[in-house]
């Protein structure tokens, strides 16, 4: 099964008001993640979503509900709000992420 991994670093939260790890757990929405079109096609509702904060060694896992398209990046990559249900904290272990702070495993 496919897994989407999202990074929610504390440093970005402080720098530009990005949603915090705890905020994503509370709302079930990961806002504005840039996901390449080659990866989006692999993601379907029901796949696993992992939210990480590597700085605080926090991890949570849930289930993808939907990807909601938002604005594009300056380079033209589509951003998505990632809707997640049943998010729960789990034991931390890191995942390798791409330059956009995501991974599709």
N, C-alpha and C. Protein backbone atom coordinates (compact mmCIF):
# COMPACT_ATOMS: atom_id res chain seq x y z
N UNK A 1 0.84 -1.19 0.00
CA UNK A 1 0.00 0.00 0.00
C UNK A 1 0.88 1.25 0.00
N UNK A 2 0.44 2.29 -0.66
CA UNK A 2 1.16 3.55 -0.78
C UNK A 2 1.02 4.36 0.51
N UNK A 3 2.11 5.04 0.87
CA UNK A 3 2.11 5.92 2.04
C UNK A 3 2.60 7.29 1.64
N UNK A 4 1.87 8.33 2.03
CA UNK A 4 2.26 9.72 1.82
C UNK A 4 2.85 10.22 3.13
N UNK A 5 4.06 10.78 3.07
CA UNK A 5 4.72 11.32 4.26
C UNK A 5 4.81 12.84 4.10
N UNK A 6 4.37 13.56 5.13
CA UNK A 6 4.38 15.02 5.14
C UNK A 6 5.25 15.52 6.28
N UNK A 7 6.10 16.50 6.02
CA UNK A 7 6.91 17.09 7.06
C UNK A 7 6.21 18.35 7.58
N UNK A 8 6.15 18.50 8.89
CA UNK A 8 5.60 19.70 9.52
C UNK A 8 6.63 20.24 10.50
N UNK A 9 7.72 20.84 9.98
CA UNK A 9 8.82 21.27 10.84
C UNK A 9 8.50 22.50 11.67
N UNK A 10 8.99 22.52 12.87
CA UNK A 10 8.79 23.65 13.78
C UNK A 10 9.41 24.92 13.21
N UNK A 11 10.57 24.82 12.56
CA UNK A 11 11.25 26.00 12.03
C UNK A 11 10.41 26.72 10.98
N UNK A 12 9.70 26.00 10.12
CA UNK A 12 8.84 26.64 9.11
C UNK A 12 7.61 27.25 9.75
N UNK A 13 7.12 26.62 10.78
CA UNK A 13 5.96 27.15 11.49
C UNK A 13 6.29 28.53 12.05
N UNK A 14 7.45 28.66 12.62
CA UNK A 14 7.87 29.93 13.19
C UNK A 14 8.20 30.96 12.12
N UNK A 15 8.79 30.49 11.02
CA UNK A 15 9.27 31.40 9.98
C UNK A 15 8.15 32.02 9.16
N UNK A 16 7.15 31.23 8.76
CA UNK A 16 6.14 31.79 7.86
C UNK A 16 4.71 31.42 8.23
N UNK A 17 4.50 31.02 9.47
CA UNK A 17 3.13 30.74 9.90
C UNK A 17 2.55 29.46 9.36
N UNK A 18 3.38 28.55 8.86
CA UNK A 18 2.88 27.27 8.35
C UNK A 18 2.19 26.50 9.46
N UNK A 19 1.30 25.62 9.09
CA UNK A 19 0.56 24.83 10.07
C UNK A 19 1.52 23.96 10.88
N UNK A 20 1.30 23.90 12.16
CA UNK A 20 2.16 23.13 13.04
C UNK A 20 1.77 21.65 13.03
N UNK A 21 2.68 20.82 13.49
CA UNK A 21 2.40 19.39 13.65
C UNK A 21 1.14 19.21 14.50
N UNK A 22 1.08 19.90 15.63
CA UNK A 22 -0.09 19.77 16.51
C UNK A 22 -1.35 20.31 15.84
N UNK A 23 -1.22 21.36 15.04
CA UNK A 23 -2.37 21.91 14.32
C UNK A 23 -2.92 20.93 13.29
N UNK A 24 -2.03 20.22 12.61
CA UNK A 24 -2.48 19.22 11.65
C UNK A 24 -3.20 18.08 12.38
N UNK A 25 -2.66 17.67 13.52
CA UNK A 25 -3.32 16.62 14.30
C UNK A 25 -4.70 17.07 14.75
N UNK A 26 -4.81 18.32 15.15
CA UNK A 26 -6.07 18.86 15.65
C UNK A 26 -7.13 19.00 14.56
N UNK A 27 -6.72 19.51 13.39
CA UNK A 27 -7.69 19.80 12.33
C UNK A 27 -7.85 18.66 11.32
N UNK A 28 -6.82 17.82 11.19
CA UNK A 28 -6.86 16.77 10.18
C UNK A 28 -6.58 17.26 8.77
N UNK A 29 -5.99 18.48 8.67
CA UNK A 29 -5.67 19.04 7.35
C UNK A 29 -4.22 19.51 7.33
N UNK A 30 -3.47 18.98 6.36
CA UNK A 30 -2.11 19.45 6.10
C UNK A 30 -2.18 20.44 4.96
N UNK A 31 -1.99 21.73 5.22
CA UNK A 31 -2.22 22.75 4.19
C UNK A 31 -1.04 23.01 3.26
N UNK A 32 -1.36 23.14 1.98
CA UNK A 32 -0.43 23.68 0.99
C UNK A 32 0.82 22.87 0.69
N UNK A 33 0.73 21.57 0.64
CA UNK A 33 1.89 20.74 0.31
C UNK A 33 2.05 20.63 -1.20
N UNK A 34 3.26 20.95 -1.68
CA UNK A 34 3.57 20.83 -3.11
C UNK A 34 3.86 19.36 -3.41
N UNK A 35 3.04 18.78 -4.30
CA UNK A 35 3.19 17.36 -4.65
C UNK A 35 3.26 17.26 -6.17
N UNK A 36 4.34 16.65 -6.65
CA UNK A 36 4.55 16.50 -8.10
C UNK A 36 3.43 15.67 -8.72
N UNK A 37 3.07 16.00 -9.94
CA UNK A 37 1.99 15.28 -10.63
C UNK A 37 2.32 13.80 -10.79
N UNK A 38 3.60 13.46 -10.89
CA UNK A 38 3.99 12.06 -11.01
C UNK A 38 3.70 11.28 -9.72
N UNK A 39 3.64 11.98 -8.59
CA UNK A 39 3.36 11.32 -7.31
C UNK A 39 1.87 11.34 -6.98
N UNK A 40 1.17 12.40 -7.36
CA UNK A 40 -0.25 12.53 -7.05
C UNK A 40 -1.04 11.35 -7.61
N UNK A 41 -0.69 10.90 -8.79
CA UNK A 41 -1.39 9.79 -9.42
C UNK A 41 -1.31 8.49 -8.64
N UNK A 42 -0.35 8.39 -7.75
CA UNK A 42 -0.21 7.18 -6.93
C UNK A 42 -1.04 7.23 -5.65
N UNK A 43 -1.58 8.41 -5.33
CA UNK A 43 -2.29 8.59 -4.05
C UNK A 43 -3.79 8.46 -4.24
N UNK A 44 -4.40 7.62 -3.43
CA UNK A 44 -5.85 7.43 -3.49
C UNK A 44 -6.42 7.50 -2.07
N UNK A 45 -7.67 7.90 -1.95
CA UNK A 45 -8.29 7.88 -0.62
C UNK A 45 -8.15 6.50 0.01
N UNK A 46 -7.82 6.50 1.29
CA UNK A 46 -7.62 5.25 2.00
C UNK A 46 -6.17 4.89 2.22
N UNK A 47 -5.26 5.54 1.47
CA UNK A 47 -3.84 5.23 1.69
C UNK A 47 -3.39 5.88 3.00
N UNK A 48 -2.28 5.40 3.51
CA UNK A 48 -1.75 5.89 4.79
C UNK A 48 -1.07 7.24 4.60
N UNK A 49 -1.25 8.12 5.60
CA UNK A 49 -0.55 9.41 5.63
C UNK A 49 0.23 9.47 6.93
N UNK A 50 1.50 9.84 6.83
CA UNK A 50 2.36 10.03 7.99
C UNK A 50 2.70 11.51 8.07
N UNK A 51 2.55 12.09 9.26
CA UNK A 51 2.95 13.48 9.50
C UNK A 51 4.13 13.44 10.45
N UNK A 52 5.22 14.11 10.05
CA UNK A 52 6.45 14.11 10.85
C UNK A 52 6.83 15.51 11.29
N UNK A 53 7.45 15.59 12.43
CA UNK A 53 8.20 16.77 12.84
C UNK A 53 9.55 16.23 13.26
N UNK A 54 10.53 16.31 12.35
CA UNK A 54 11.84 15.72 12.60
C UNK A 54 12.59 16.46 13.71
N UNK A 55 12.31 17.74 13.89
CA UNK A 55 13.01 18.51 14.91
C UNK A 55 12.59 18.09 16.32
N UNK A 56 11.33 17.78 16.50
CA UNK A 56 10.82 17.37 17.82
C UNK A 56 10.65 15.85 17.93
N UNK A 57 11.00 15.13 16.88
CA UNK A 57 10.86 13.67 16.84
C UNK A 57 9.43 13.23 17.14
N UNK A 58 8.49 13.84 16.41
CA UNK A 58 7.07 13.51 16.54
C UNK A 58 6.59 12.85 15.25
N UNK A 59 5.68 11.92 15.39
CA UNK A 59 5.13 11.22 14.24
C UNK A 59 3.67 10.88 14.53
N UNK A 60 2.84 11.02 13.49
CA UNK A 60 1.43 10.62 13.59
C UNK A 60 1.06 9.94 12.28
N UNK A 61 0.10 9.04 12.35
CA UNK A 61 -0.36 8.33 11.16
C UNK A 61 -1.87 8.37 11.08
N UNK A 62 -2.38 8.46 9.85
CA UNK A 62 -3.81 8.48 9.61
C UNK A 62 -4.10 7.96 8.21
N UNK A 63 -5.30 8.27 7.73
CA UNK A 63 -5.77 7.79 6.44
C UNK A 63 -6.14 8.97 5.55
N UNK A 64 -5.70 8.93 4.30
CA UNK A 64 -6.00 10.00 3.35
C UNK A 64 -7.48 10.01 3.00
N UNK A 65 -8.09 11.18 3.13
CA UNK A 65 -9.48 11.38 2.74
C UNK A 65 -9.52 11.95 1.32
N UNK A 66 -8.77 13.05 1.11
CA UNK A 66 -8.72 13.66 -0.22
C UNK A 66 -7.57 14.66 -0.31
N UNK A 67 -7.21 14.98 -1.54
CA UNK A 67 -6.26 16.04 -1.84
C UNK A 67 -7.05 17.16 -2.50
N UNK A 68 -6.98 18.34 -1.92
CA UNK A 68 -7.72 19.49 -2.44
C UNK A 68 -6.73 20.46 -3.10
N UNK A 69 -6.79 20.63 -4.43
CA UNK A 69 -5.84 21.52 -5.12
C UNK A 69 -5.96 22.96 -4.61
N UNK A 70 -4.81 23.59 -4.45
CA UNK A 70 -4.71 24.99 -4.05
C UNK A 70 -3.85 25.72 -5.07
N UNK A 71 -3.23 26.80 -4.68
CA UNK A 71 -2.39 27.58 -5.59
C UNK A 71 -1.18 26.77 -6.04
N UNK A 72 -0.52 27.24 -7.07
CA UNK A 72 0.71 26.60 -7.56
C UNK A 72 1.92 27.31 -6.97
N UNK A 73 3.03 26.60 -6.96
CA UNK A 73 4.28 27.21 -6.52
C UNK A 73 4.78 28.15 -7.62
N UNK A 74 5.81 28.91 -7.33
CA UNK A 74 6.39 29.82 -8.34
C UNK A 74 6.90 29.05 -9.56
N UNK A 75 7.30 27.80 -9.35
CA UNK A 75 7.80 26.99 -10.47
C UNK A 75 6.68 26.22 -11.18
N UNK A 76 5.44 26.37 -10.71
CA UNK A 76 4.30 25.75 -11.38
C UNK A 76 3.82 24.44 -10.79
N UNK A 77 4.45 23.97 -9.72
CA UNK A 77 4.01 22.72 -9.09
C UNK A 77 2.72 22.96 -8.30
N UNK A 78 1.79 22.05 -8.42
CA UNK A 78 0.50 22.16 -7.74
C UNK A 78 0.67 21.92 -6.23
N UNK A 79 0.02 22.78 -5.45
CA UNK A 79 -0.05 22.58 -3.99
C UNK A 79 -1.41 21.98 -3.66
N UNK A 80 -1.44 21.20 -2.58
CA UNK A 80 -2.67 20.55 -2.14
C UNK A 80 -2.84 20.68 -0.63
N UNK A 81 -4.09 20.85 -0.21
CA UNK A 81 -4.42 20.63 1.19
C UNK A 81 -4.69 19.14 1.30
N UNK A 82 -4.05 18.51 2.27
CA UNK A 82 -4.15 17.06 2.46
C UNK A 82 -5.10 16.80 3.63
N UNK A 83 -6.25 16.22 3.34
CA UNK A 83 -7.27 15.92 4.36
C UNK A 83 -7.04 14.50 4.87
N UNK A 84 -6.93 14.40 6.20
CA UNK A 84 -6.55 13.14 6.84
C UNK A 84 -7.54 12.83 7.96
N UNK A 85 -7.94 11.55 8.07
CA UNK A 85 -8.82 11.17 9.19
C UNK A 85 -8.08 10.20 10.10
N UNK A 86 -8.56 10.11 11.30
CA UNK A 86 -8.03 9.15 12.29
C UNK A 86 -6.54 9.32 12.57
N UNK A 87 -6.07 10.57 12.60
CA UNK A 87 -4.66 10.80 12.92
C UNK A 87 -4.40 10.47 14.38
N UNK A 88 -3.35 9.71 14.62
CA UNK A 88 -2.97 9.37 15.99
C UNK A 88 -1.44 9.35 16.08
N UNK A 89 -0.94 9.77 17.22
CA UNK A 89 0.51 9.76 17.44
C UNK A 89 1.01 8.32 17.47
N UNK A 90 2.19 8.14 16.90
CA UNK A 90 2.84 6.83 16.90
C UNK A 90 4.30 7.02 17.29
N UNK A 91 5.00 5.94 17.51
CA UNK A 91 6.42 6.00 17.83
C UNK A 91 7.18 6.64 16.67
N UNK A 92 8.12 7.50 17.00
CA UNK A 92 8.87 8.23 15.97
C UNK A 92 9.91 7.34 15.31
N UNK A 93 9.96 7.41 14.01
CA UNK A 93 11.12 7.01 13.24
C UNK A 93 11.10 7.83 11.96
N UNK A 94 12.29 8.29 11.52
CA UNK A 94 12.37 9.23 10.41
C UNK A 94 12.10 8.56 9.06
N UNK A 95 11.79 9.40 8.09
CA UNK A 95 11.61 8.99 6.69
C UNK A 95 12.40 9.97 5.83
N UNK A 96 12.94 9.50 4.72
CA UNK A 96 13.62 10.38 3.77
C UNK A 96 12.57 11.17 3.01
N UNK A 97 12.76 12.48 2.87
CA UNK A 97 11.81 13.37 2.22
C UNK A 97 12.44 14.04 1.01
N UNK A 98 11.60 14.45 0.07
CA UNK A 98 12.13 15.20 -1.08
C UNK A 98 12.27 16.68 -0.71
N UNK A 99 12.67 17.50 -1.66
CA UNK A 99 12.92 18.92 -1.39
C UNK A 99 11.66 19.67 -1.00
N UNK A 100 10.49 19.12 -1.30
CA UNK A 100 9.21 19.75 -0.93
C UNK A 100 8.73 19.33 0.44
N UNK A 101 9.49 18.47 1.12
CA UNK A 101 9.12 18.03 2.46
C UNK A 101 8.07 16.91 2.46
N UNK A 102 8.05 16.13 1.39
CA UNK A 102 7.12 15.01 1.33
C UNK A 102 7.84 13.78 0.79
N UNK A 103 7.18 12.64 0.90
CA UNK A 103 7.66 11.41 0.27
C UNK A 103 6.43 10.57 -0.04
N UNK A 104 6.51 9.79 -1.10
CA UNK A 104 5.49 8.80 -1.41
C UNK A 104 6.22 7.47 -1.46
N UNK A 105 5.86 6.61 -0.52
CA UNK A 105 6.55 5.31 -0.37
C UNK A 105 5.67 4.19 -0.87
